[in-house]
Amino acid sequence: QIALQELADIRHNSPELMPYLRPDSKSQFTVEYDESHRPV
């Protein structure tokens, strides 16, 4: 969620950084957890 919020902020407020952006986007994060279910 935060990754796409940052991407939207670039598109709306700092378009010079990535001037080619259009509105549609998706993200996906895979996190590794240990046996105690803590993010590693």
PDB file of all heavy atoms in Angstrom:
ATOM      1  N   GLN A   1       0.827  -1.210   0.000  1.00  0.00           N
ATOM      2  CA  GLN A   1       0.000   0.000   0.000  1.00  0.00           C
ATOM      3  C   GLN A   1       0.860   1.258   0.000  1.00  0.00           C
ATOM      4  O   GLN A   1       0.619   2.195  -0.775  1.00  0.00           O
ATOM      5  CB  GLN A   1      -0.915   0.012   1.243  1.00  0.00           C
ATOM      6  CG  GLN A   1      -1.836  -1.186   1.388  1.00  0.00           C
ATOM      7  CD  GLN A   1      -3.097  -1.127   0.562  1.00  0.00           C
ATOM      8  OE1 GLN A   1      -3.109  -0.539  -0.516  1.00  0.00           O
ATOM      9  NE2 GLN A   1      -4.169  -1.765   1.031  1.00  0.00           N
ATOM     10  N   ILE A   2       1.875   1.299   0.853  1.00  0.00           N
ATOM     11  CA  ILE A   2       2.704   2.504   0.957  1.00  0.00           C
ATOM     12  C   ILE A   2       3.475   2.741  -0.339  1.00  0.00           C
ATOM     13  O   ILE A   2       3.632   3.890  -0.776  1.00  0.00           O
ATOM     14  CB  ILE A   2       3.655   2.413   2.162  1.00  0.00           C
ATOM     15  CG1 ILE A   2       2.853   2.419   3.463  1.00  0.00           C
ATOM     16  CG2 ILE A   2       4.647   3.573   2.155  1.00  0.00           C
ATOM     17  CD1 ILE A   2       3.691   2.295   4.709  1.00  0.00           C
ATOM     18  N   ALA A   3       3.969   1.681  -0.979  1.00  0.00           N
ATOM     19  CA  ALA A   3       4.705   1.830  -2.237  1.00  0.00           C
ATOM     20  C   ALA A   3       3.860   2.541  -3.278  1.00  0.00           C
ATOM     21  O   ALA A   3       4.334   3.450  -3.981  1.00  0.00           O
ATOM     22  CB  ALA A   3       5.157   0.468  -2.753  1.00  0.00           C
ATOM     23  N   LEU A   4       2.593   2.165  -3.387  1.00  0.00           N
ATOM     24  CA  LEU A   4       1.729   2.792  -4.388  1.00  0.00           C
ATOM     25  C   LEU A   4       1.313   4.196  -3.984  1.00  0.00           C
ATOM     26  O   LEU A   4       1.105   5.048  -4.844  1.00  0.00           O
ATOM     27  CB  LEU A   4       0.514   1.919  -4.635  1.00  0.00           C
ATOM     28  CG  LEU A   4       0.813   0.588  -5.324  1.00  0.00           C
ATOM     29  CD1 LEU A   4      -0.494  -0.117  -5.690  1.00  0.00           C
ATOM     30  CD2 LEU A   4       1.664   0.774  -6.582  1.00  0.00           C
ATOM     31  N   GLN A   5       1.184   4.456  -2.682  1.00  0.00           N
ATOM     32  CA  GLN A   5       0.915   5.815  -2.244  1.00  0.00           C
ATOM     33  C   GLN A   5       2.084   6.732  -2.601  1.00  0.00           C
ATOM     34  O   GLN A   5       1.875   7.880  -3.019  1.00  0.00           O
ATOM     35  CB  GLN A   5       0.643   5.841  -0.736  1.00  0.00           C
ATOM     36  CG  GLN A   5      -0.709   5.252  -0.351  1.00  0.00           C
ATOM     37  CD  GLN A   5      -0.903   5.209   1.148  1.00  0.00           C
ATOM     38  OE1 GLN A   5      -0.225   4.492   1.864  1.00  0.00           O
ATOM     39  NE2 GLN A   5      -1.841   5.968   1.646  1.00  0.00           N
ATOM     40  N   GLU A   6       3.302   6.241  -2.438  1.00  0.00           N
ATOM     41  CA  GLU A   6       4.470   7.026  -2.818  1.00  0.00           C
ATOM     42  C   GLU A   6       4.507   7.244  -4.335  1.00  0.00           C
ATOM     43  O   GLU A   6       4.845   8.336  -4.803  1.00  0.00           O
ATOM     44  CB  GLU A   6       5.753   6.331  -2.359  1.00  0.00           C
ATOM     45  CG  GLU A   6       5.962   6.356  -0.858  1.00  0.00           C
ATOM     46  CD  GLU A   6       6.158   7.765  -0.311  1.00  0.00           C
ATOM     47  OE1 GLU A   6       6.716   8.626  -1.038  1.00  0.00           O
ATOM     48  OE2 GLU A   6       5.731   8.021   0.835  1.00  0.00           O
ATOM     49  N   LEU A   7       4.165   6.224  -5.108  1.00  0.00           N
ATOM     50  CA  LEU A   7       4.144   6.362  -6.557  1.00  0.00           C
ATOM     51  C   LEU A   7       3.095   7.399  -6.980  1.00  0.00           C
ATOM     52  O   LEU A   7       3.352   8.220  -7.871  1.00  0.00           O
ATOM     53  CB  LEU A   7       3.849   5.010  -7.208  1.00  0.00           C
ATOM     54  CG  LEU A   7       4.168   4.879  -8.703  1.00  0.00           C
ATOM     55  CD1 LEU A   7       5.668   5.008  -8.959  1.00  0.00           C
ATOM     56  CD2 LEU A   7       3.663   3.540  -9.233  1.00  0.00           C
ATOM     57  N   ALA A   8       1.936   7.364  -6.342  1.00  0.00           N
ATOM     58  CA  ALA A   8       0.897   8.345  -6.642  1.00  0.00           C
ATOM     59  C   ALA A   8       1.340   9.754  -6.261  1.00  0.00           C
ATOM     60  O   ALA A   8       1.050  10.728  -6.968  1.00  0.00           O
ATOM     61  CB  ALA A   8      -0.398   7.987  -5.922  1.00  0.00           C
ATOM     62  N   ASP A   9       2.044   9.863  -5.133  1.00  0.00           N
ATOM     63  CA  ASP A   9       2.530  11.179  -4.710  1.00  0.00           C
ATOM     64  C   ASP A   9       3.523  11.748  -5.724  1.00  0.00           C
ATOM     65  O   ASP A   9       3.502  12.951  -6.015  1.00  0.00           O
ATOM     66  CB  ASP A   9       3.180  11.074  -3.326  1.00  0.00           C
ATOM     67  CG  ASP A   9       3.600  12.425  -2.783  1.00  0.00           C
ATOM     68  OD1 ASP A   9       2.720  13.264  -2.543  1.00  0.00           O
ATOM     69  OD2 ASP A   9       4.815  12.653  -2.599  1.00  0.00           O
ATOM     70  N   ILE A  10       4.375  10.899  -6.263  1.00  0.00           N
ATOM     71  CA  ILE A  10       5.292  11.345  -7.315  1.00  0.00           C
ATOM     72  C   ILE A  10       4.501  11.839  -8.520  1.00  0.00           C
ATOM     73  O   ILE A  10       4.771  12.913  -9.076  1.00  0.00           O
ATOM     74  CB  ILE A  10       6.240  10.205  -7.726  1.00  0.00           C
ATOM     75  CG1 ILE A  10       7.216   9.902  -6.588  1.00  0.00           C
ATOM     76  CG2 ILE A  10       7.009  10.569  -9.001  1.00  0.00           C
ATOM     77  CD1 ILE A  10       8.045   8.646  -6.807  1.00  0.00           C
ATOM     78  N   ARG A  11       3.498  11.065  -8.944  1.00  0.00           N
ATOM     79  CA  ARG A  11       2.720  11.424 -10.136  1.00  0.00           C
ATOM     80  C   ARG A  11       1.966  12.738  -9.935  1.00  0.00           C
ATOM     81  O   ARG A  11       1.927  13.581 -10.840  1.00  0.00           O
ATOM     82  CB  ARG A  11       1.747  10.296 -10.471  1.00  0.00           C
ATOM     83  CG  ARG A  11       0.881  10.555 -11.708  1.00  0.00           C
ATOM     84  CD  ARG A  11       0.130   9.294 -12.107  1.00  0.00           C
ATOM     85  NE  ARG A  11      -0.744   8.800 -11.076  1.00  0.00           N
ATOM     86  CZ  ARG A  11      -1.986   9.223 -10.863  1.00  0.00           C
ATOM     87  NH1 ARG A  11      -2.513  10.166 -11.619  1.00  0.00           N
ATOM     88  NH2 ARG A  11      -2.710   8.700  -9.868  1.00  0.00           N
ATOM     89  N   HIS A  12       1.388  12.939  -8.754  1.00  0.00           N
ATOM     90  CA  HIS A  12       0.594  14.137  -8.505  1.00  0.00           C
ATOM     91  C   HIS A  12       1.435  15.361  -8.166  1.00  0.00           C
ATOM     92  O   HIS A  12       1.137  16.470  -8.608  1.00  0.00           O
ATOM     93  CB  HIS A  12      -0.385  13.889  -7.355  1.00  0.00           C
ATOM     94  CG  HIS A  12      -1.546  13.005  -7.696  1.00  0.00           C
ATOM     95  ND1 HIS A  12      -2.490  13.332  -8.663  1.00  0.00           N
ATOM     96  CD2 HIS A  12      -1.927  11.797  -7.202  1.00  0.00           C
ATOM     97  CE1 HIS A  12      -3.401  12.370  -8.745  1.00  0.00           C
ATOM     98  NE2 HIS A  12      -3.076  11.425  -7.871  1.00  0.00           N
ATOM     99  N   ASN A  13       2.484  15.168  -7.353  1.00  0.00           N
ATOM    100  CA  ASN A  13       3.178  16.303  -6.746  1.00  0.00           C
ATOM    101  C   ASN A  13       4.617  16.502  -7.198  1.00  0.00           C
ATOM    102  O   ASN A  13       5.152  17.601  -7.043  1.00  0.00           O
ATOM    103  CB  ASN A  13       3.144  16.175  -5.218  1.00  0.00           C
ATOM    104  CG  ASN A  13       1.728  16.145  -4.683  1.00  0.00           C
ATOM    105  OD1 ASN A  13       0.896  16.959  -5.084  1.00  0.00           O
ATOM    106  ND2 ASN A  13       1.423  15.204  -3.792  1.00  0.00           N
ATOM    107  N   SER A  14       5.269  15.478  -7.739  1.00  0.00           N
ATOM    108  CA  SER A  14       6.646  15.610  -8.226  1.00  0.00           C
ATOM    109  C   SER A  14       6.797  14.915  -9.577  1.00  0.00           C
ATOM    110  O   SER A  14       7.650  14.037  -9.748  1.00  0.00           O
ATOM    111  CB  SER A  14       7.631  15.022  -7.209  1.00  0.00           C
ATOM    112  OG  SER A  14       7.516  15.618  -5.941  1.00  0.00           O
ATOM    113  N   PRO A  15       5.985  15.293 -10.558  1.00  0.00           N
ATOM    114  CA  PRO A  15       5.984  14.560 -11.833  1.00  0.00           C
ATOM    115  C   PRO A  15       7.311  14.623 -12.583  1.00  0.00           C
ATOM    116  O   PRO A  15       7.573  13.753 -13.416  1.00  0.00           O
ATOM    117  CB  PRO A  15       4.859  15.240 -12.629  1.00  0.00           C
ATOM    118  CG  PRO A  15       4.722  16.600 -12.008  1.00  0.00           C
ATOM    119  CD  PRO A  15       5.014  16.411 -10.560  1.00  0.00           C
ATOM    120  N   GLU A  16       8.137  15.605 -12.268  1.00  0.00           N
ATOM    121  CA  GLU A  16       9.432  15.699 -12.937  1.00  0.00           C
ATOM    122  C   GLU A  16      10.338  14.499 -12.619  1.00  0.00           C
ATOM    123  O   GLU A  16      11.257  14.193 -13.389  1.00  0.00           O
ATOM    124  CB  GLU A  16      10.134  17.003 -12.554  1.00  0.00           C
ATOM    125  CG  GLU A  16      10.634  17.093 -11.111  1.00  0.00           C
ATOM    126  CD  GLU A  16       9.558  17.444 -10.089  1.00  0.00           C
ATOM    127  OE1 GLU A  16       8.381  17.633 -10.495  1.00  0.00           O
ATOM    128  OE2 GLU A  16       9.882  17.517  -8.877  1.00  0.00           O
ATOM    129  N   LEU A  17      10.088  13.812 -11.501  1.00  0.00           N
ATOM    130  CA  LEU A  17      10.916  12.667 -11.129  1.00  0.00           C
ATOM    131  C   LEU A  17      10.665  11.467 -12.040  1.00  0.00           C
ATOM    132  O   LEU A  17      11.593  10.765 -12.417  1.00  0.00           O
ATOM    133  CB  LEU A  17      10.649  12.272  -9.672  1.00  0.00           C
ATOM    134  CG  LEU A  17      11.017  13.296  -8.598  1.00  0.00           C
ATOM    135  CD1 LEU A  17      10.625  12.782  -7.218  1.00  0.00           C
ATOM    136  CD2 LEU A  17      12.503  13.615  -8.649  1.00  0.00           C
ATOM    137  N   MET A  18       9.409  11.209 -12.353  1.00  0.00           N
ATOM    138  CA  MET A  18       9.025  10.104 -13.230  1.00  0.00           C
ATOM    139  C   MET A  18       7.926  10.618 -14.157  1.00  0.00           C
ATOM    140  O   MET A  18       6.749  10.295 -13.992  1.00  0.00           O
ATOM    141  CB  MET A  18       8.567   8.895 -12.406  1.00  0.00           C
ATOM    142  CG  MET A  18       9.632   8.372 -11.439  1.00  0.00           C
ATOM    143  SD  MET A  18       9.059   7.077 -10.286  1.00  0.00           S
ATOM    144  CE  MET A  18       8.921   5.644 -11.364  1.00  0.00           C
ATOM    145  N   PRO A  19       8.290  11.436 -15.148  1.00  0.00           N
ATOM    146  CA  PRO A  19       7.300  12.192 -15.923  1.00  0.00           C
ATOM    147  C   PRO A  19       6.391  11.352 -16.817  1.00  0.00           C
ATOM    148  O   PRO A  19       5.413  11.861 -17.352  1.00  0.00           O
ATOM    149  CB  PRO A  19       8.173  13.135 -16.757  1.00  0.00           C
ATOM    150  CG  PRO A  19       9.516  12.472 -16.831  1.00  0.00           C
ATOM    151  CD  PRO A  19       9.687  11.757 -15.536  1.00  0.00           C
ATOM    152  N   TYR A  20       6.683  10.103 -16.973  1.00  0.00           N
ATOM    153  CA  TYR A  20       5.936   9.221 -17.867  1.00  0.00           C
ATOM    154  C   TYR A  20       4.783   8.493 -17.164  1.00  0.00           C
ATOM    155  O   TYR A  20       4.022   7.767 -17.800  1.00  0.00           O
ATOM    156  CB  TYR A  20       6.880   8.163 -18.451  1.00  0.00           C
ATOM    157  CG  TYR A  20       7.777   7.551 -17.390  1.00  0.00           C
ATOM    158  CD1 TYR A  20       7.316   6.579 -16.514  1.00  0.00           C
ATOM    159  CD2 TYR A  20       9.090   7.999 -17.233  1.00  0.00           C
ATOM    160  CE1 TYR A  20       8.109   6.043 -15.526  1.00  0.00           C
ATOM    161  CE2 TYR A  20       9.916   7.462 -16.237  1.00  0.00           C
ATOM    162  CZ  TYR A  20       9.418   6.488 -15.394  1.00  0.00           C
ATOM    163  OH  TYR A  20      10.212   5.972 -14.406  1.00  0.00           O
ATOM    164  N   LEU A  21       4.615   8.669 -15.859  1.00  0.00           N
ATOM    165  CA  LEU A  21       3.655   7.879 -15.099  1.00  0.00           C
ATOM    166  C   LEU A  21       2.217   8.160 -15.524  1.00  0.00           C
ATOM    167  O   LEU A  21       1.816   9.306 -15.707  1.00  0.00           O
ATOM    168  CB  LEU A  21       3.791   8.163 -13.603  1.00  0.00           C
ATOM    169  CG  LEU A  21       5.051   7.657 -12.906  1.00  0.00           C
ATOM    170  CD1 LEU A  21       5.050   8.099 -11.443  1.00  0.00           C
ATOM    171  CD2 LEU A  21       5.168   6.146 -13.003  1.00  0.00           C
ATOM    172  N   ARG A  22       1.444   7.092 -15.622  1.00  0.00           N
ATOM    173  CA  ARG A  22       0.001   7.171 -15.794  1.00  0.00           C
ATOM    174  C   ARG A  22      -0.672   6.611 -14.540  1.00  0.00           C
ATOM    175  O   ARG A  22       0.007   6.036 -13.687  1.00  0.00           O
ATOM    176  CB  ARG A  22      -0.431   6.420 -17.052  1.00  0.00           C
ATOM    177  CG  ARG A  22       0.023   7.102 -18.352  1.00  0.00           C
ATOM    178  CD  ARG A  22      -0.504   6.399 -19.599  1.00  0.00           C
ATOM    179  NE  ARG A  22      -0.156   7.130 -20.827  1.00  0.00           N
ATOM    180  CZ  ARG A  22      -0.547   6.806 -22.046  1.00  0.00           C
ATOM    181  NH1 ARG A  22      -1.325   5.740 -22.228  1.00  0.00           N
ATOM    182  NH2 ARG A  22      -0.184   7.543 -23.095  1.00  0.00           N
ATOM    183  N   PRO A  23      -1.994   6.750 -14.390  1.00  0.00           N
ATOM    184  CA  PRO A  23      -2.619   6.477 -13.094  1.00  0.00           C
ATOM    185  C   PRO A  23      -2.642   5.024 -12.626  1.00  0.00           C
ATOM    186  O   PRO A  23      -2.683   4.743 -11.432  1.00  0.00           O
ATOM    187  CB  PRO A  23      -4.060   7.005 -13.275  1.00  0.00           C
ATOM    188  CG  PRO A  23      -3.963   8.020 -14.371  1.00  0.00           C
ATOM    189  CD  PRO A  23      -2.906   7.498 -15.299  1.00  0.00           C
ATOM    190  N   ASP A  24      -2.665   4.058 -13.531  1.00  0.00           N
ATOM    191  CA  ASP A  24      -2.858   2.662 -13.142  1.00  0.00           C
ATOM    192  C   ASP A  24      -1.541   2.053 -12.674  1.00  0.00           C
ATOM    193  O   ASP A  24      -0.508   2.211 -13.328  1.00  0.00           O
ATOM    194  CB  ASP A  24      -3.410   1.875 -14.338  1.00  0.00           C
ATOM    195  CG  ASP A  24      -3.947   0.504 -13.959  1.00  0.00           C
ATOM    196  OD1 ASP A  24      -3.911   0.141 -12.766  1.00  0.00           O
ATOM    197  OD2 ASP A  24      -4.417  -0.223 -14.874  1.00  0.00           O
ATOM    198  N   SER A  25      -1.565   1.331 -11.571  1.00  0.00           N
ATOM    199  CA  SER A  25      -0.360   0.643 -11.100  1.00  0.00           C
ATOM    200  C   SER A  25      -0.736  -0.441 -10.099  1.00  0.00           C
ATOM    201  O   SER A  25      -1.812  -0.421  -9.501  1.00  0.00           O
ATOM    202  CB  SER A  25       0.650   1.614 -10.480  1.00  0.00           C
ATOM    203  OG  SER A  25       0.088   2.349  -9.426  1.00  0.00           O
ATOM    204  N   LYS A  26       0.191  -1.392  -9.918  1.00  0.00           N
ATOM    205  CA  LYS A  26       0.027  -2.494  -8.965  1.00  0.00           C
ATOM    206  C   LYS A  26       1.354  -2.746  -8.277  1.00  0.00           C
ATOM    207  O   LYS A  26       2.416  -2.487  -8.840  1.00  0.00           O
ATOM    208  CB  LYS A  26      -0.447  -3.769  -9.674  1.00  0.00           C
ATOM    209  CG  LYS A  26      -1.763  -3.643 -10.410  1.00  0.00           C
ATOM    210  CD  LYS A  26      -2.139  -4.920 -11.119  1.00  0.00           C
ATOM    211  CE  LYS A  26      -2.610  -5.971 -10.129  1.00  0.00           C
ATOM    212  NZ  LYS A  26      -3.182  -7.174 -10.819  1.00  0.00           N
ATOM    213  N   SER A  27       1.277  -3.253  -7.069  1.00  0.00           N
ATOM    214  CA  SER A  27       2.482  -3.647  -6.341  1.00  0.00           C
ATOM    215  C   SER A  27       2.247  -5.000  -5.690  1.00  0.00           C
ATOM    216  O   SER A  27       1.107  -5.414  -5.458  1.00  0.00           O
ATOM    217  CB  SER A  27       2.856  -2.611  -5.279  1.00  0.00           C
ATOM    218  OG  SER A  27       1.847  -2.541  -4.285  1.00  0.00           O
ATOM    219  N   GLN A  28       3.341  -5.659  -5.371  1.00  0.00           N
ATOM    220  CA  GLN A  28       3.269  -6.945  -4.683  1.00  0.00           C
ATOM    221  C   GLN A  28       4.554  -7.142  -3.901  1.00  0.00           C
ATOM    222  O   GLN A  28       5.650  -7.025  -4.459  1.00  0.00           O
ATOM    223  CB  GLN A  28       3.075  -8.063  -5.709  1.00  0.00           C
ATOM    224  CG  GLN A  28       2.837  -9.448  -5.131  1.00  0.00           C
ATOM    225  CD  GLN A  28       2.471 -10.444  -6.194  1.00  0.00           C
ATOM    226  OE1 GLN A  28       1.359 -10.456  -6.689  1.00  0.00           O
ATOM    227  NE2 GLN A  28       3.424 -11.283  -6.577  1.00  0.00           N
ATOM    228  N   PHE A  29       4.432  -7.442  -2.610  1.00  0.00           N
ATOM    229  CA  PHE A  29       5.599  -7.659  -1.765  1.00  0.00           C
ATOM    230  C   PHE A  29       5.536  -9.059  -1.164  1.00  0.00           C
ATOM    231  O   PHE A  29       4.513  -9.471  -0.623  1.00  0.00           O
ATOM    232  CB  PHE A  29       5.668  -6.621  -0.642  1.00  0.00           C
ATOM    233  CG  PHE A  29       6.259  -5.305  -1.065  1.00  0.00           C
ATOM    234  CD1 PHE A  29       5.563  -4.445  -1.896  1.00  0.00           C
ATOM    235  CD2 PHE A  29       7.527  -4.931  -0.642  1.00  0.00           C
ATOM    236  CE1 PHE A  29       6.106  -3.235  -2.293  1.00  0.00           C
ATOM    237  CE2 PHE A  29       8.083  -3.728  -1.029  1.00  0.00           C
ATOM    238  CZ  PHE A  29       7.372  -2.867  -1.859  1.00  0.00           C
ATOM    239  N   THR A  30       6.650  -9.755  -1.267  1.00  0.00           N
ATOM    240  CA  THR A  30       6.826 -11.048  -0.616  1.00  0.00           C
ATOM    241  C   THR A  30       7.793 -10.865   0.543  1.00  0.00           C
ATOM    242  O   THR A  30       8.897 -10.346   0.360  1.00  0.00           O
ATOM    243  CB  THR A  30       7.373 -12.091  -1.597  1.00  0.00           C
ATOM    244  OG1 THR A  30       6.456 -12.254  -2.692  1.00  0.00           O
ATOM    245  CG2 THR A  30       7.574 -13.433  -0.909  1.00  0.00           C
ATOM    246  N   VAL A  31       7.366 -11.283   1.726  1.00  0.00           N
ATOM    247  CA  VAL A  31       8.174 -11.137   2.934  1.00  0.00           C
ATOM    248  C   VAL A  31       8.528 -12.520   3.473  1.00  0.00           C
ATOM    249  O   VAL A  31       7.685 -13.425   3.496  1.00  0.00           O
ATOM    250  CB  VAL A  31       7.425 -10.326   4.009  1.00  0.00           C
ATOM    251  CG1 VAL A  31       8.194 -10.319   5.335  1.00  0.00           C
ATOM    252  CG2 VAL A  31       7.197  -8.888   3.515  1.00  0.00           C
ATOM    253  N   GLU A  32       9.779 -12.679   3.896  1.00  0.00           N
ATOM    254  CA  GLU A  32      10.209 -13.913   4.542  1.00  0.00           C
ATOM    255  C   GLU A  32       9.989 -13.796   6.051  1.00  0.00           C
ATOM    256  O   GLU A  32      10.366 -12.795   6.675  1.00  0.00           O
ATOM    257  CB  GLU A  32      11.678 -14.186   4.252  1.00  0.00           C
ATOM    258  CG  GLU A  32      12.210 -15.470   4.883  1.00  0.00           C
ATOM    259  CD  GLU A  32      13.667 -15.728   4.595  1.00  0.00           C
ATOM    260  OE1 GLU A  32      14.199 -15.187   3.596  1.00  0.00           O
ATOM    261  OE2 GLU A  32      14.311 -16.472   5.384  1.00  0.00           O
ATOM    262  N   TYR A  33       9.351 -14.835   6.630  1.00  0.00           N
ATOM    263  CA  TYR A  33       9.091 -14.902   8.064  1.00  0.00           C
ATOM    264  C   TYR A  33       9.880 -16.056   8.678  1.00  0.00           C
ATOM    265  O   TYR A  33      10.146 -17.069   8.008  1.00  0.00           O
ATOM    266  CB  TYR A  33       7.597 -15.138   8.331  1.00  0.00           C
ATOM    267  CG  TYR A  33       6.706 -13.942   8.055  1.00  0.00           C
ATOM    268  CD1 TYR A  33       6.274 -13.658   6.765  1.00  0.00           C
ATOM    269  CD2 TYR A  33       6.292 -13.110   9.079  1.00  0.00           C
ATOM    270  CE1 TYR A  33       5.443 -12.574   6.511  1.00  0.00           C
ATOM    271  CE2 TYR A  33       5.459 -12.028   8.843  1.00  0.00           C
ATOM    272  CZ  TYR A  33       5.044 -11.765   7.563  1.00  0.00           C
ATOM    273  OH  TYR A  33       4.215 -10.692   7.312  1.00  0.00           O
ATOM    274  N   ASP A  34      10.230 -15.915   9.969  1.00  0.00           N
ATOM    275  CA  ASP A  34      10.879 -17.024  10.659  1.00  0.00           C
ATOM    276  C   ASP A  34       9.840 -17.938  11.299  1.00  0.00           C
ATOM    277  O   ASP A  34       8.621 -17.712  11.155  1.00  0.00           O
ATOM    278  CB  ASP A  34      11.896 -16.513  11.691  1.00  0.00           C
ATOM    279  CG  ASP A  34      11.256 -15.736  12.847  1.00  0.00           C
ATOM    280  OD1 ASP A  34      10.035 -15.844  13.071  1.00  0.00           O
ATOM    281  OD2 ASP A  34      12.004 -15.015  13.548  1.00  0.00           O
ATOM    282  N   GLU A  35      10.288 -18.971  12.004  1.00  0.00           N
ATOM    283  CA  GLU A  35       9.373 -19.954  12.581  1.00  0.00           C
ATOM    284  C   GLU A  35       8.463 -19.351  13.647  1.00  0.00           C
ATOM    285  O   GLU A  35       7.408 -19.905  13.953  1.00  0.00           O
ATOM    286  CB  GLU A  35      10.167 -21.113  13.175  1.00  0.00           C
ATOM    287  CG  GLU A  35      10.909 -21.952  12.139  1.00  0.00           C
ATOM    288  CD  GLU A  35      11.710 -23.079  12.756  1.00  0.00           C
ATOM    289  OE1 GLU A  35      12.044 -22.973  13.964  1.00  0.00           O
ATOM    290  OE2 GLU A  35      12.005 -24.078  12.059  1.00  0.00           O
ATOM    291  N   SER A  36       8.861 -18.220  14.199  1.00  0.00           N
ATOM    292  CA  SER A  36       8.043 -17.533  15.202  1.00  0.00           C
ATOM    293  C   SER A  36       7.119 -16.501  14.568  1.00  0.00           C
ATOM    294  O   SER A  36       6.533 -15.666  15.265  1.00  0.00           O
ATOM    295  CB  SER A  36       8.940 -16.865  16.248  1.00  0.00           C
ATOM    296  OG  SER A  36       9.747 -17.817  16.911  1.00  0.00           O
ATOM    297  N   HIS A  37       7.013 -16.516  13.229  1.00  0.00           N
ATOM    298  CA  HIS A  37       6.130 -15.635  12.457  1.00  0.00           C
ATOM    299  C   HIS A  37       6.553 -14.167  12.532  1.00  0.00           C
ATOM    300  O   HIS A  37       5.722 -13.266  12.422  1.00  0.00           O
ATOM    301  CB  HIS A  37       4.672 -15.796  12.902  1.00  0.00           C
ATOM    302  CG  HIS A  37       4.216 -17.227  12.974  1.00  0.00           C
ATOM    303  ND1 HIS A  37       4.128 -18.039  11.851  1.00  0.00           N
ATOM    304  CD2 HIS A  37       3.846 -17.981  14.033  1.00  0.00           C
ATOM    305  CE1 HIS A  37       3.725 -19.241  12.226  1.00  0.00           C
ATOM    306  NE2 HIS A  37       3.552 -19.240  13.534  1.00  0.00           N
ATOM    307  N   ARG A  38       7.858 -13.937  12.694  1.00  0.00           N
ATOM    308  CA  ARG A  38       8.397 -12.584  12.683  1.00  0.00           C
ATOM    309  C   ARG A  38       9.030 -12.287  11.324  1.00  0.00           C
ATOM    310  O   ARG A  38       9.734 -13.131  10.761  1.00  0.00           O
ATOM    311  CB  ARG A  38       9.434 -12.412  13.790  1.00  0.00           C
ATOM    312  CG  ARG A  38       8.858 -12.481  15.203  1.00  0.00           C
ATOM    313  CD  ARG A  38       9.943 -12.445  16.249  1.00  0.00           C
ATOM    314  NE  ARG A  38      10.848 -13.589  16.123  1.00  0.00           N
ATOM    315  CZ  ARG A  38      11.613 -14.067  17.078  1.00  0.00           C
ATOM    316  NH1 ARG A  38      11.570 -13.498  18.273  1.00  0.00           N
ATOM    317  NH2 ARG A  38      12.413 -15.083  16.877  1.00  0.00           N
ATOM    318  N   PRO A  39       8.784 -11.096  10.773  1.00  0.00           N
ATOM    319  CA  PRO A  39       9.392 -10.745   9.483  1.00  0.00           C
ATOM    320  C   PRO A  39      10.917 -10.716   9.567  1.00  0.00           C
ATOM    321  O   PRO A  39      11.482 -10.160  10.517  1.00  0.00           O
ATOM    322  CB  PRO A  39       8.833  -9.343   9.193  1.00  0.00           C
ATOM    323  CG  PRO A  39       7.681  -9.168  10.094  1.00  0.00           C
ATOM    324  CD  PRO A  39       7.923 -10.018  11.292  1.00  0.00           C
ATOM    325  N   VAL A  40      11.564 -11.344   8.594  1.00  0.00           N
ATOM    326  CA  VAL A  40      13.020 -11.408   8.546  1.00  0.00           C
ATOM    327  C   VAL A  40      13.581 -10.477   7.490  1.00  0.00           C
ATOM    328  O   VAL A  40      14.542  -9.755   7.726  1.00  0.00           O
ATOM    329  CB  VAL A  40      13.490 -12.855   8.275  1.00  0.00           C
ATOM    330  CG1 VAL A  40      15.003 -12.911   8.094  1.00  0.00           C
ATOM    331  CG2 VAL A  40      13.039 -13.790   9.380  1.00  0.00           C
TER     332      VAL A  40
END
